[in-house]
Amino acid sequence: MKIEVQFFAAARDAAGQSPVSVSLSENASVGELRERLVQEFPNLNSMAKVLLVAVNNEYADNDRCLQESDSVACFPPVSGG
């Protein structure tokens, strides 16, 4: 299946483009997506463990299964007041 991923902030800078289309097996997890993103965009490696992933506007854990129709966004942790 193909998943379109939107990058934001430093993640977009590291990937060098946004959005991107990523090929994954059916019922792949967010963790598998994270691994594939680092393979395809090695500059993301430095933030891979802290990269936040949102699926359909909700934060998602690595075990969340993805569907081709999902809206996926990746961004680094945000802080501020």
PDB file of N, CA and C in Angstrom:
ATOM      1  N   MET A   1       0.846  -1.181   0.000  1.00  0.00           N
ATOM      2  CA  MET A   1       0.000   0.000   0.000  1.00  0.00           C
ATOM      3  C   MET A   1       0.888   1.239   0.000  1.00  0.00           C
ATOM      4  N   LYS A   2       0.317   2.338  -0.435  1.00  0.00           N
ATOM      5  CA  LYS A   2       1.028   3.622  -0.444  1.00  0.00           C
ATOM      6  C   LYS A   2       0.459   4.513   0.644  1.00  0.00           C
ATOM      7  N   ILE A   3       1.358   5.101   1.419  1.00  0.00           N
ATOM      8  CA  ILE A   3       0.981   6.045   2.467  1.00  0.00           C
ATOM      9  C   ILE A   3       1.613   7.383   2.132  1.00  0.00           C
ATOM     10  N   GLU A   4       0.828   8.435   2.146  1.00  0.00           N
ATOM     11  CA  GLU A   4       1.374   9.777   1.948  1.00  0.00           C
ATOM     12  C   GLU A   4       1.679  10.373   3.319  1.00  0.00           C
ATOM     13  N   VAL A   5       2.914  10.856   3.459  1.00  0.00           N
ATOM     14  CA  VAL A   5       3.382  11.393   4.732  1.00  0.00           C
ATOM     15  C   VAL A   5       3.728  12.857   4.560  1.00  0.00           C
ATOM     16  N   GLN A   6       3.192  13.671   5.415  1.00  0.00           N
ATOM     17  CA  GLN A   6       3.463  15.108   5.441  1.00  0.00           C
ATOM     18  C   GLN A   6       4.491  15.361   6.548  1.00  0.00           C
ATOM     19  N   PHE A   7       5.587  16.038   6.220  1.00  0.00           N
ATOM     20  CA  PHE A   7       6.601  16.391   7.215  1.00  0.00           C
ATOM     21  C   PHE A   7       6.456  17.856   7.597  1.00  0.00           C
ATOM     22  N   PHE A   8       6.804  18.161   8.847  1.00  0.00           N
ATOM     23  CA  PHE A   8       6.749  19.537   9.329  1.00  0.00           C
ATOM     24  C   PHE A   8       8.037  19.905  10.053  1.00  0.00           C
ATOM     25  N   ALA A   9       8.358  21.194  10.049  1.00  0.00           N
ATOM     26  CA  ALA A   9       9.482  21.768  10.783  1.00  0.00           C
ATOM     27  C   ALA A   9      10.799  21.085  10.397  1.00  0.00           C
ATOM     28  N   ALA A  10      11.616  20.733  11.386  1.00  0.00           N
ATOM     29  CA  ALA A  10      12.936  20.153  11.125  1.00  0.00           C
ATOM     30  C   ALA A  10      12.840  18.818  10.390  1.00  0.00           C
ATOM     31  N   ALA A  11      11.743  18.096  10.560  1.00  0.00           N
ATOM     32  CA  ALA A  11      11.571  16.833   9.840  1.00  0.00           C
ATOM     33  C   ALA A  11      11.456  17.091   8.335  1.00  0.00           C
ATOM     34  N   ARG A  12      10.787  18.157   7.953  1.00  0.00           N
ATOM     35  CA  ARG A  12      10.689  18.509   6.526  1.00  0.00           C
ATOM     36  C   ARG A  12      12.058  18.892   5.993  1.00  0.00           C
ATOM     37  N   ASP A  13      12.814  19.647   6.778  1.00  0.00           N
ATOM     38  CA  ASP A  13      14.170  20.020   6.363  1.00  0.00           C
ATOM     39  C   ASP A  13      15.042  18.780   6.186  1.00  0.00           C
ATOM     40  N   ALA A  14      14.948  17.829   7.108  1.00  0.00           N
ATOM     41  CA  ALA A  14      15.764  16.620   7.040  1.00  0.00           C
ATOM     42  C   ALA A  14      15.373  15.743   5.852  1.00  0.00           C
ATOM     43  N   ALA A  15      14.082  15.645   5.587  1.00  0.00           N
ATOM     44  CA  ALA A  15      13.618  14.819   4.464  1.00  0.00           C
ATOM     45  C   ALA A  15      13.891  15.501   3.129  1.00  0.00           C
ATOM     46  N   GLY A  16      13.896  16.817   3.134  1.00  0.00           N
ATOM     47  CA  GLY A  16      14.154  17.556   1.902  1.00  0.00           C
ATOM     48  C   GLY A  16      12.949  17.715   1.003  1.00  0.00           C
ATOM     49  N   GLN A  17      11.804  17.185   1.423  1.00  0.00           N
ATOM     50  CA  GLN A  17      10.575  17.314   0.639  1.00  0.00           C
ATOM     51  C   GLN A  17       9.376  16.948   1.491  1.00  0.00           C
ATOM     52  N   SER A  18       8.238  17.413   1.086  1.00  0.00           N
ATOM     53  CA  SER A  18       7.000  17.077   1.769  1.00  0.00           C
ATOM     54  C   SER A  18       5.844  17.509   0.881  1.00  0.00           C
ATOM     55  N   PRO A  19       4.865  16.672   0.709  1.00  0.00           N
ATOM     56  CA  PRO A  19       4.702  15.324   1.241  1.00  0.00           C
ATOM     57  C   PRO A  19       5.523  14.312   0.450  1.00  0.00           C
ATOM     58  N   VAL A  20       5.588  13.079   0.979  1.00  0.00           N
ATOM     59  CA  VAL A  20       6.246  11.974   0.302  1.00  0.00           C
ATOM     60  C   VAL A  20       5.291  10.791   0.298  1.00  0.00           C
ATOM     61  N   SER A  21       5.477   9.918  -0.656  1.00  0.00           N
ATOM     62  CA  SER A  21       4.683   8.692  -0.744  1.00  0.00           C
ATOM     63  C   SER A  21       5.600   7.525  -0.404  1.00  0.00           C
ATOM     64  N   VAL A  22       5.146   6.678   0.519  1.00  0.00           N
ATOM     65  CA  VAL A  22       5.954   5.558   0.998  1.00  0.00           C
ATOM     66  C   VAL A  22       5.197   4.259   0.747  1.00  0.00           C
ATOM     67  N   SER A  23       5.883   3.271   0.198  1.00  0.00           N
ATOM     68  CA  SER A  23       5.287   1.957  -0.031  1.00  0.00           C
ATOM     69  C   SER A  23       5.510   1.076   1.191  1.00  0.00           C
ATOM     70  N   LEU A  24       4.438   0.492   1.680  1.00  0.00           N
ATOM     71  CA  LEU A  24       4.483  -0.402   2.837  1.00  0.00           C
ATOM     72  C   LEU A  24       3.613  -1.618   2.560  1.00  0.00           C
ATOM     73  N   SER A  25       3.839  -2.689   3.323  1.00  0.00           N
ATOM     74  CA  SER A  25       2.975  -3.861   3.199  1.00  0.00           C
ATOM     75  C   SER A  25       1.616  -3.549   3.815  1.00  0.00           C
ATOM     76  N   GLU A  26       0.603  -4.320   3.430  1.00  0.00           N
ATOM     77  CA  GLU A  26      -0.733  -4.137   3.994  1.00  0.00           C
ATOM     78  C   GLU A  26      -0.674  -4.275   5.509  1.00  0.00           C
ATOM     79  N   ASN A  27      -1.418  -3.451   6.217  1.00  0.00           N
ATOM     80  CA  ASN A  27      -1.488  -3.461   7.678  1.00  0.00           C
ATOM     81  C   ASN A  27      -0.155  -3.186   8.356  1.00  0.00           C
ATOM     82  N   ALA A  28       0.716  -2.443   7.690  1.00  0.00           N
ATOM     83  CA  ALA A  28       1.989  -2.059   8.301  1.00  0.00           C
ATOM     84  C   ALA A  28       1.710  -1.153   9.500  1.00  0.00           C
ATOM     85  N   SER A  29       2.652  -1.135  10.421  1.00  0.00           N
ATOM     86  CA  SER A  29       2.496  -0.329  11.627  1.00  0.00           C
ATOM     87  C   SER A  29       3.233   1.001  11.496  1.00  0.00           C
ATOM     88  N   VAL A  30       2.954   1.892  12.419  1.00  0.00           N
ATOM     89  CA  VAL A  30       3.669   3.165  12.479  1.00  0.00           C
ATOM     90  C   VAL A  30       5.162   2.904  12.673  1.00  0.00           C
ATOM     91  N   GLY A  31       5.516   1.900  13.465  1.00  0.00           N
ATOM     92  CA  GLY A  31       6.927   1.552  13.656  1.00  0.00           C
ATOM     93  C   GLY A  31       7.597   1.156  12.353  1.00  0.00           C
ATOM     94  N   GLU A  32       6.893   0.385  11.520  1.00  0.00           N
ATOM     95  CA  GLU A  32       7.426   0.001  10.216  1.00  0.00           C
ATOM     96  C   GLU A  32       7.556   1.213   9.311  1.00  0.00           C
ATOM     97  N   LEU A  33       6.601   2.121   9.379  1.00  0.00           N
ATOM     98  CA  LEU A  33       6.683   3.366   8.613  1.00  0.00           C
ATOM     99  C   LEU A  33       7.905   4.156   9.050  1.00  0.00           C
ATOM    100  N   ARG A  34       8.113   4.275  10.354  1.00  0.00           N
ATOM    101  CA  ARG A  34       9.257   5.008  10.890  1.00  0.00           C
ATOM    102  C   ARG A  34      10.575   4.426  10.340  1.00  0.00           C
ATOM    103  N   GLU A  35      10.698   3.083  10.344  1.00  0.00           N
ATOM    104  CA  GLU A  35      11.897   2.428   9.814  1.00  0.00           C
ATOM    105  C   GLU A  35      12.078   2.720   8.329  1.00  0.00           C
ATOM    106  N   ARG A  36      10.999   2.677   7.571  1.00  0.00           N
ATOM    107  CA  ARG A  36      11.076   2.924   6.130  1.00  0.00           C
ATOM    108  C   ARG A  36      11.481   4.376   5.849  1.00  0.00           C
ATOM    109  N   LEU A  37      10.952   5.295   6.649  1.00  0.00           N
ATOM    110  CA  LEU A  37      11.301   6.708   6.449  1.00  0.00           C
ATOM    111  C   LEU A  37      12.787   6.949   6.661  1.00  0.00           C
ATOM    112  N   VAL A  38      13.362   6.301   7.668  1.00  0.00           N
ATOM    113  CA  VAL A  38      14.795   6.458   7.926  1.00  0.00           C
ATOM    114  C   VAL A  38      15.613   5.827   6.798  1.00  0.00           C
ATOM    115  N   GLN A  39      15.132   4.706   6.245  1.00  0.00           N
ATOM    116  CA  GLN A  39      15.823   4.082   5.109  1.00  0.00           C
ATOM    117  C   GLN A  39      15.820   4.998   3.894  1.00  0.00           C
ATOM    118  N   GLU A  40      14.670   5.596   3.617  1.00  0.00           N
ATOM    119  CA  GLU A  40      14.540   6.423   2.422  1.00  0.00           C
ATOM    120  C   GLU A  40      15.078   7.834   2.605  1.00  0.00           C
ATOM    121  N   PHE A  41      15.100   8.323   3.846  1.00  0.00           N
ATOM    122  CA  PHE A  41      15.563   9.673   4.149  1.00  0.00           C
ATOM    123  C   PHE A  41      16.537   9.606   5.322  1.00  0.00           C
ATOM    124  N   PRO A  42      17.788   9.204   5.069  1.00  0.00           N
ATOM    125  CA  PRO A  42      18.766   8.985   6.147  1.00  0.00           C
ATOM    126  C   PRO A  42      18.965  10.189   7.063  1.00  0.00           C
ATOM    127  N   ASN A  43      18.711  11.388   6.597  1.00  0.00           N
ATOM    128  CA  ASN A  43      18.870  12.573   7.453  1.00  0.00           C
ATOM    129  C   ASN A  43      17.861  12.587   8.600  1.00  0.00           C
ATOM    130  N   LEU A  44      16.822  11.775   8.516  1.00  0.00           N
ATOM    131  CA  LEU A  44      15.843  11.672   9.605  1.00  0.00           C
ATOM    132  C   LEU A  44      16.353  10.809  10.756  1.00  0.00           C
ATOM    133  N   ASN A  45      17.440  10.070  10.546  1.00  0.00           N
ATOM    134  CA  ASN A  45      17.933   9.133  11.544  1.00  0.00           C
ATOM    135  C   ASN A  45      18.191   9.787  12.892  1.00  0.00           C
ATOM    136  N   SER A  46      18.726  10.999  12.891  1.00  0.00           N
ATOM    137  CA  SER A  46      19.068  11.658  14.155  1.00  0.00           C
ATOM    138  C   SER A  46      17.838  11.966  15.001  1.00  0.00           C
ATOM    139  N   MET A  47      16.677  12.069  14.391  1.00  0.00           N
ATOM    140  CA  MET A  47      15.467  12.374  15.155  1.00  0.00           C
ATOM    141  C   MET A  47      14.454  11.228  15.128  1.00  0.00           C
ATOM    142  N   ALA A  48      14.824  10.096  14.582  1.00  0.00           N
ATOM    143  CA  ALA A  48      13.878   8.993  14.377  1.00  0.00           C
ATOM    144  C   ALA A  48      13.209   8.542  15.670  1.00  0.00           C
ATOM    145  N   LYS A  49      13.950   8.464  16.761  1.00  0.00           N
ATOM    146  CA  LYS A  49      13.381   7.948  18.006  1.00  0.00           C
ATOM    147  C   LYS A  49      12.433   8.932  18.674  1.00  0.00           C
ATOM    148  N   VAL A  50      12.577  10.216  18.387  1.00  0.00           N
ATOM    149  CA  VAL A  50      11.718  11.218  19.023  1.00  0.00           C
ATOM    150  C   VAL A  50      10.696  11.812  18.051  1.00  0.00           C
ATOM    151  N   LEU A  51      10.766  11.405  16.789  1.00  0.00           N
ATOM    152  CA  LEU A  51       9.850  11.918  15.780  1.00  0.00           C
ATOM    153  C   LEU A  51       8.420  11.562  16.151  1.00  0.00           C
ATOM    154  N   LEU A  52       7.565  12.556  16.214  1.00  0.00           N
ATOM    155  CA  LEU A  52       6.156  12.334  16.524  1.00  0.00           C
ATOM    156  C   LEU A  52       5.411  11.986  15.237  1.00  0.00           C
ATOM    157  N   VAL A  53       4.517  11.029  15.346  1.00  0.00           N
ATOM    158  CA  VAL A  53       3.714  10.611  14.195  1.00  0.00           C
ATOM    159  C   VAL A  53       2.249  10.769  14.573  1.00  0.00           C
ATOM    160  N   ALA A  54       1.517  11.454  13.731  1.00  0.00           N
ATOM    161  CA  ALA A  54       0.083  11.602  13.921  1.00  0.00           C
ATOM    162  C   ALA A  54      -0.627  10.890  12.772  1.00  0.00           C
ATOM    163  N   VAL A  55      -1.632  10.112  13.122  1.00  0.00           N
ATOM    164  CA  VAL A  55      -2.449   9.414  12.130  1.00  0.00           C
ATOM    165  C   VAL A  55      -3.872   9.920  12.297  1.00  0.00           C
ATOM    166  N   ASN A  56      -4.396  10.496  11.233  1.00  0.00           N
ATOM    167  CA  ASN A  56      -5.742  11.069  11.263  1.00  0.00           C
ATOM    168  C   ASN A  56      -5.905  12.057  12.419  1.00  0.00           C
ATOM    169  N   ASN A  57      -4.906  12.917  12.562  1.00  0.00           N
ATOM    170  CA  ASN A  57      -4.887  14.015  13.543  1.00  0.00           C
ATOM    171  C   ASN A  57      -4.806  13.563  14.996  1.00  0.00           C
ATOM    172  N   GLU A  58      -4.341  12.347  15.247  1.00  0.00           N
ATOM    173  CA  GLU A  58      -4.135  11.854  16.609  1.00  0.00           C
ATOM    174  C   GLU A  58      -2.744  11.246  16.707  1.00  0.00           C
ATOM    175  N   TYR A  59      -2.027  11.543  17.804  1.00  0.00           N
ATOM    176  CA  TYR A  59      -0.719  10.926  18.011  1.00  0.00           C
ATOM    177  C   TYR A  59      -0.866   9.413  17.962  1.00  0.00           C
ATOM    178  N   ALA A  60       0.121   8.755  17.354  1.00  0.00           N
ATOM    179  CA  ALA A  60       0.053   7.304  17.184  1.00  0.00           C
ATOM    180  C   ALA A  60       1.313   6.637  17.718  1.00  0.00           C
ATOM    181  N   ASP A  61       1.133   5.519  18.429  1.00  0.00           N
ATOM    182  CA  ASP A  61       2.240   4.694  18.895  1.00  0.00           C
ATOM    183  C   ASP A  61       2.750   3.833  17.756  1.00  0.00           C
ATOM    184  N   ASN A  62       3.939   3.248  17.960  1.00  0.00           N
ATOM    185  CA  ASN A  62       4.556   2.419  16.924  1.00  0.00           C
ATOM    186  C   ASN A  62       3.728   1.196  16.542  1.00  0.00           C
ATOM    187  N   ASP A  63       2.860   0.715  17.418  1.00  0.00           N
ATOM    188  CA  ASP A  63       2.095  -0.492  17.114  1.00  0.00           C
ATOM    189  C   ASP A  63       0.782  -0.224  16.373  1.00  0.00           C
ATOM    190  N   ARG A  64       0.474   1.026  16.146  1.00  0.00           N
ATOM    191  CA  ARG A  64      -0.763   1.384  15.415  1.00  0.00           C
ATOM    192  C   ARG A  64      -0.671   0.913  13.974  1.00  0.00           C
ATOM    193  N   CYS A  65      -1.673   0.179  13.514  1.00  0.00           N
ATOM    194  CA  CYS A  65      -1.725  -0.284  12.123  1.00  0.00           C
ATOM    195  C   CYS A  65      -2.210   0.839  11.219  1.00  0.00           C
ATOM    196  N   LEU A  66      -1.628   0.891  10.049  1.00  0.00           N
ATOM    197  CA  LEU A  66      -1.971   1.939   9.080  1.00  0.00           C
ATOM    198  C   LEU A  66      -2.858   1.382   7.980  1.00  0.00           C
ATOM    199  N   GLN A  67      -3.662   2.270   7.409  1.00  0.00           N
ATOM    200  CA  GLN A  67      -4.470   1.953   6.239  1.00  0.00           C
ATOM    201  C   GLN A  67      -4.140   2.987   5.168  1.00  0.00           C
ATOM    202  N   GLU A  68      -4.312   2.601   3.928  1.00  0.00           N
ATOM    203  CA  GLU A  68      -3.929   3.465   2.821  1.00  0.00           C
ATOM    204  C   GLU A  68      -4.645   4.813   2.856  1.00  0.00           C
ATOM    205  N   SER A  69      -5.815   4.863   3.420  1.00  0.00           N
ATOM    206  CA  SER A  69      -6.586   6.108   3.452  1.00  0.00           C
ATOM    207  C   SER A  69      -6.195   7.026   4.608  1.00  0.00           C
ATOM    208  N   ASP A  70      -5.285   6.593   5.475  1.00  0.00           N
ATOM    209  CA  ASP A  70      -4.902   7.397   6.641  1.00  0.00           C
ATOM    210  C   ASP A  70      -4.151   8.663   6.242  1.00  0.00           C
ATOM    211  N   SER A  71      -4.375   9.703   7.009  1.00  0.00           N
ATOM    212  CA  SER A  71      -3.620  10.944   6.885  1.00  0.00           C
ATOM    213  C   SER A  71      -2.493  10.887   7.911  1.00  0.00           C
ATOM    214  N   VAL A  72      -1.232  10.948   7.450  1.00  0.00           N
ATOM    215  CA  VAL A  72      -0.083  10.782   8.334  1.00  0.00           C
ATOM    216  C   VAL A  72       0.798  12.019   8.289  1.00  0.00           C
ATOM    217  N   ALA A  73       1.182  12.480   9.487  1.00  0.00           N
ATOM    218  CA  ALA A  73       2.070  13.640   9.613  1.00  0.00           C
ATOM    219  C   ALA A  73       3.209  13.281  10.568  1.00  0.00           C
ATOM    220  N   CYS A  74       4.405  13.780  10.284  1.00  0.00           N
ATOM    221  CA  CYS A  74       5.573  13.552  11.128  1.00  0.00           C
ATOM    222  C   CYS A  74       6.216  14.895  11.456  1.00  0.00           C
ATOM    223  N   PHE A  75       6.572  15.038  12.723  1.00  0.00           N
ATOM    224  CA  PHE A  75       7.207  16.292  13.150  1.00  0.00           C
ATOM    225  C   PHE A  75       8.011  16.043  14.415  1.00  0.00           C
ATOM    226  N   PRO A  76       9.026  16.878  14.651  1.00  0.00           N
ATOM    227  CA  PRO A  76       9.817  16.731  15.865  1.00  0.00           C
ATOM    228  C   PRO A  76       9.019  17.212  17.074  1.00  0.00           C
ATOM    229  N   PRO A  77       9.451  16.816  18.280  1.00  0.00           N
ATOM    230  CA  PRO A  77       8.762  17.294  19.482  1.00  0.00           C
ATOM    231  C   PRO A  77       8.733  18.827  19.514  1.00  0.00           C
ATOM    232  N   VAL A  78       7.673  19.349  20.055  1.00  0.00           N
ATOM    233  CA  VAL A  78       7.476  20.793  20.107  1.00  0.00           C
ATOM    234  C   VAL A  78       7.426  21.207  21.573  1.00  0.00           C
ATOM    235  N   SER A  79       8.067  22.309  21.872  1.00  0.00           N
ATOM    236  CA  SER A  79       7.970  22.839  23.233  1.00  0.00           C
ATOM    237  C   SER A  79       7.775  24.348  23.138  1.00  0.00           C
ATOM    238  N   GLY A  80       7.398  24.916  24.214  1.00  0.00           N
ATOM    239  CA  GLY A  80       7.198  26.359  24.221  1.00  0.00           C
ATOM    240  C   GLY A  80       6.090  26.721  25.175  1.00  0.00           C
ATOM    241  N   GLY A  81       5.835  27.993  25.242  1.00  0.00           N
ATOM    242  CA  GLY A  81       4.816  28.413  26.192  1.00  0.00           C
ATOM    243  C   GLY A  81       3.854  29.384  25.629  1.00  0.00           C
TER     244      GLY A  81
END
